[in-house]
Protein backbone atom coordinates (compact mmCIF):
# COMPACT_ATOMS: atom_id res chain seq x y z
CA MET A 1 147.70 -75.53 -13.48
CA GLY A 2 144.95 -76.08 -10.99
CA ALA A 3 141.59 -77.14 -11.56
CA GLY A 4 139.86 -73.84 -11.80
CA ALA A 5 142.64 -73.04 -14.54
CA ILE A 6 141.38 -75.89 -16.44
CA ALA A 7 137.80 -75.19 -16.06
CA GLY A 8 137.92 -72.06 -18.12
CA ARG A 9 139.70 -68.46 -17.21
CA ALA A 10 137.30 -65.38 -16.76
CA ASP A 11 138.02 -64.48 -20.62
CA GLY A 12 136.11 -67.92 -21.62
CA HIS A 13 139.33 -69.63 -22.97
CA VAL A 14 139.90 -73.16 -21.79
CA ASP A 15 142.70 -75.88 -22.12
CA LEU A 16 142.08 -77.45 -24.98
CA ALA A 17 144.50 -80.25 -25.02
CA ARG A 18 143.19 -80.88 -21.38
CA LEU A 19 139.89 -80.57 -23.10
CA SER A 20 140.36 -83.65 -24.93
CA ALA A 21 142.45 -85.81 -22.42
CA ASP A 22 139.31 -85.59 -20.70
CA TRP A 23 137.14 -86.65 -23.45
CA ARG A 24 138.80 -89.46 -24.36
CA THR A 25 138.71 -90.02 -20.56
CA HIS A 26 134.95 -90.39 -20.24
CA TRP A 27 133.47 -90.18 -23.59
CA GLY A 28 136.11 -92.40 -25.71
CA GLY A 29 135.73 -92.14 -29.34
CA CYS A 30 132.23 -90.88 -29.39
CA PRO A 31 132.10 -87.26 -30.92
CA PRO A 32 130.77 -84.29 -28.78
CA LEU A 33 127.70 -83.99 -30.55
CA GLY A 34 124.23 -84.46 -28.38
CA HIS A 35 122.43 -86.49 -30.59
CA LEU A 36 125.42 -89.13 -30.85
CA LEU A 37 125.80 -89.39 -26.76
CA LYS A 38 122.38 -90.49 -26.04
CA GLU A 39 122.89 -93.17 -28.64
CA ALA A 40 126.42 -94.23 -27.47
CA PHE A 41 125.62 -94.15 -23.70
CA PRO A 42 121.85 -94.73 -23.55
CA GLU A 43 122.44 -96.33 -19.84
CA LYS A 44 123.53 -92.83 -18.66
CA TRP A 45 121.12 -90.94 -20.63
CA VAL A 46 118.15 -89.02 -19.72
CA ARG A 47 115.57 -86.13 -21.13
CA PHE A 48 113.78 -83.98 -19.33
CA HIS A 49 111.16 -81.92 -20.99
CA SER A 50 111.20 -77.69 -20.62
CA LEU A 51 107.93 -77.43 -20.33
CA PRO A 52 104.31 -79.26 -18.90
CA ASP A 53 102.88 -81.53 -21.01
CA SER A 54 105.86 -81.72 -23.15
CA ARG A 55 105.33 -78.47 -25.04
CA ARG A 56 108.42 -77.71 -27.21
CA TYR A 57 108.52 -73.69 -27.42
CA ALA A 58 108.00 -71.44 -25.04
CA ARG A 59 105.10 -68.81 -25.70
CA ASN A 60 105.51 -66.06 -23.36
CA ASP A 61 107.61 -64.77 -20.15
CA SER A 62 106.07 -67.21 -17.74
CA GLU A 63 107.09 -70.22 -19.85
CA TYR A 64 110.49 -69.06 -20.47
CA ARG A 65 110.72 -68.62 -16.81
CA VAL A 66 109.56 -72.47 -15.78
CA LEU A 67 112.01 -73.63 -19.00
CA LEU A 68 114.89 -71.73 -17.52
CA GLU A 69 114.18 -72.78 -14.07
CA ARG A 70 113.97 -76.47 -14.93
CA GLN A 71 117.49 -76.27 -16.81
CA HIS A 72 119.06 -74.54 -13.87
CA THR A 73 117.59 -77.34 -11.28
CA VAL A 74 118.59 -79.95 -13.42
CA LEU A 75 122.29 -78.54 -13.47
CA ALA A 76 122.35 -77.98 -9.93
CA ASP A 77 121.23 -81.45 -9.34
CA LEU A 78 124.33 -82.58 -11.13
CA GLY A 79 126.68 -80.27 -8.68
CA ALA A 80 127.40 -77.66 -11.77
CA PRO A 81 130.49 -75.78 -10.69
CA PRO A 82 130.77 -72.00 -10.95
CA ARG A 83 132.30 -72.13 -14.03
CA LEU A 84 130.73 -74.50 -16.93
CA VAL A 85 132.72 -75.75 -19.65
CA VAL A 86 130.06 -74.50 -23.29
CA VAL A 87 130.80 -76.61 -26.45
CA GLY A 88 129.27 -75.17 -29.43
CA CYS A 89 129.47 -76.08 -33.22
CA ALA A 90 129.41 -74.59 -36.58
CA CYS A 91 128.67 -76.51 -40.05
CA GLY A 92 130.84 -76.49 -43.21
CA ASP A 93 132.30 -78.34 -45.97
CA GLY A 94 135.59 -79.18 -45.79
CA VAL A 95 138.71 -79.48 -43.15
CA GLU A 96 138.97 -75.78 -42.45
CA PRO A 97 137.33 -74.67 -39.48
CA ALA A 98 133.62 -72.91 -40.01
CA GLY A 99 133.09 -69.65 -38.82
CA ARG A 100 130.27 -69.42 -35.92
CA SER A 101 127.57 -67.18 -36.20
CA ARG A 102 128.26 -63.73 -34.67
CA GLN A 103 125.20 -64.66 -32.10
CA LEU A 104 126.89 -68.21 -31.14
CA ALA A 105 130.28 -66.34 -30.77
CA ALA A 106 128.51 -63.64 -28.66
CA LEU A 107 126.70 -66.27 -26.25
CA ALA A 108 129.10 -68.47 -25.97
CA PRO A 109 132.95 -67.28 -26.51
CA GLY A 110 135.27 -69.66 -27.38
CA ALA A 111 138.21 -71.13 -29.50
CA TYR A 112 138.31 -73.94 -32.23
CA TRP A 113 138.70 -77.44 -30.77
CA ARG A 114 138.27 -80.16 -33.13
CA SER A 115 136.19 -81.04 -36.38
CA VAL A 116 133.93 -84.05 -36.96
CA ARG A 117 133.77 -85.42 -40.67
CA SER A 118 130.47 -86.46 -41.67
CA GLY A 119 131.46 -88.86 -43.89
CA ASP A 120 128.68 -87.90 -46.36
CA ALA A 121 128.63 -86.03 -49.19
CA ALA A 122 125.05 -84.95 -48.64
CA ASP A 123 125.64 -83.61 -44.74
CA PRO A 124 128.22 -80.93 -43.67
CA ASP A 125 131.47 -81.49 -41.52
CA VAL A 126 130.81 -80.09 -38.07
CA HIS A 127 133.43 -77.86 -36.43
CA VAL A 128 133.30 -77.65 -32.62
CA TYR A 129 134.26 -74.81 -30.67
CA ALA A 130 134.94 -74.74 -26.79
CA GLY A 131 135.22 -71.79 -24.11
CA SER A 132 133.46 -71.23 -20.64
CA LEU A 133 131.12 -69.31 -19.11
CA PRO A 134 129.81 -68.66 -15.53
CA ASN A 135 127.20 -70.87 -14.13
CA THR A 136 124.70 -67.98 -13.23
CA PRO A 137 121.32 -67.12 -15.09
CA ALA A 138 122.89 -63.83 -16.25
CA ALA A 139 125.91 -65.78 -18.47
CA LEU A 140 124.02 -68.88 -19.48
CA ASP A 141 119.98 -67.65 -19.63
CA PRO A 142 120.75 -65.71 -22.99
CA LEU A 143 122.26 -68.94 -24.70
CA LEU A 144 119.73 -71.77 -23.09
CA ARG A 145 116.91 -69.28 -24.42
CA SER A 146 118.55 -69.34 -28.07
CA VAL A 147 118.76 -72.99 -27.66
CA ALA A 148 114.95 -73.23 -26.72
CA ASP A 149 114.04 -70.88 -29.65
CA ASP A 150 115.73 -73.07 -31.99
CA GLU A 151 118.18 -70.46 -33.05
CA THR A 152 121.22 -72.36 -31.53
CA ALA A 153 122.22 -75.92 -31.75
CA GLY A 154 124.83 -78.38 -30.83
CA VAL A 155 125.78 -76.76 -27.29
CA ILE A 156 126.83 -78.69 -24.43
CA LEU A 157 127.66 -77.63 -21.04
CA ALA A 158 129.92 -79.92 -18.41
CA PRO A 159 132.45 -79.51 -15.48
CA VAL A 160 135.92 -79.27 -15.26
CA GLY A 161 136.55 -82.80 -16.33
CA LEU A 162 133.69 -83.60 -18.14
CA ASP A 163 132.35 -86.36 -15.85
CA TRP A 164 128.66 -85.39 -17.10
CA LEU A 165 127.14 -83.67 -19.78
CA ALA A 166 124.12 -81.70 -20.56
CA HIS A 167 122.73 -81.24 -24.12
CA PRO A 168 120.21 -78.48 -24.13
CA TYR A 169 117.88 -78.30 -27.35
CA ASP A 170 114.55 -77.06 -28.41
CA GLY A 171 112.35 -78.81 -26.20
CA GLY A 172 114.06 -79.74 -23.19
CA LEU A 173 117.69 -80.84 -21.77
CA ASP A 174 119.64 -83.80 -22.50
CA VAL A 175 121.56 -85.30 -19.37
CA ILE A 176 124.46 -88.07 -19.86
CA ALA A 177 125.58 -88.82 -16.32
CA ARG A 178 128.01 -90.03 -14.33
CA SER A 179 126.58 -93.41 -14.08
CA PRO A 180 123.12 -95.29 -14.69
CA VAL A 181 122.34 -94.82 -10.86
CA GLU A 182 123.04 -90.92 -11.09
CA ARG A 183 120.81 -91.37 -14.17
CA ASP A 184 118.07 -92.68 -12.45
CA ALA A 185 118.25 -90.74 -9.57
CA LEU A 186 117.73 -87.67 -11.27
CA GLY A 187 115.03 -88.73 -13.55
CA ALA A 188 113.10 -90.13 -10.46
CA SER A 189 114.00 -86.26 -8.56
CA HIS A 190 111.73 -85.02 -11.29
CA PRO A 191 109.09 -87.46 -12.82
CA ASP A 192 106.59 -84.97 -13.82
CA TRP A 193 109.61 -83.12 -16.31
CA LEU A 194 110.16 -86.56 -18.11
CA SER A 195 108.50 -88.37 -21.85
CA ARG A 196 105.89 -90.63 -21.46
CA HIS A 197 107.43 -91.75 -24.55
CA PRO A 198 108.26 -95.58 -24.13
CA GLU A 199 111.90 -94.59 -25.48
CA GLY A 200 112.22 -91.77 -23.21
CA LEU A 201 112.13 -89.17 -26.01
């Protein structure tokens, strides 16, 4: 099977066995959850804020354009391929996969991949789905806007092979780069998009 097939077919499906193998190769035992990745790989992590002055939410079409342009620019800087692996999550109790919301299923088609047990009775388990989307504004912008509006969370975008990860959230985009050198270069390319917080948050 060629790399294009592994990256994701036109119907949005991905090779889940290959996805698991690639995940283990690059990210070891860390679950595919954005907030855990930045803690596990701080030397590769950089956060870009979506809007000037670190404003969290877009208020009008002009600010949505800025938000989306920044995120697409970072993906282009990473060398994002024509089709991206898209990971999404649903929360639920127990080992059975929780059904995703209709909105997430429509925005990011995919199949059940794996579950992450919380180990805490107060927290739900997380059920992870994976598929693929074309790397185009028409395909990605509805998903990115839903994340930016805090309607969807737990999304990760990645190339085939998973050698870098992008985790949009309501307020910005976290990147786990291929290396600390790439992380530093990305930050240096867009210094005005970085946080002034001493920890980069």
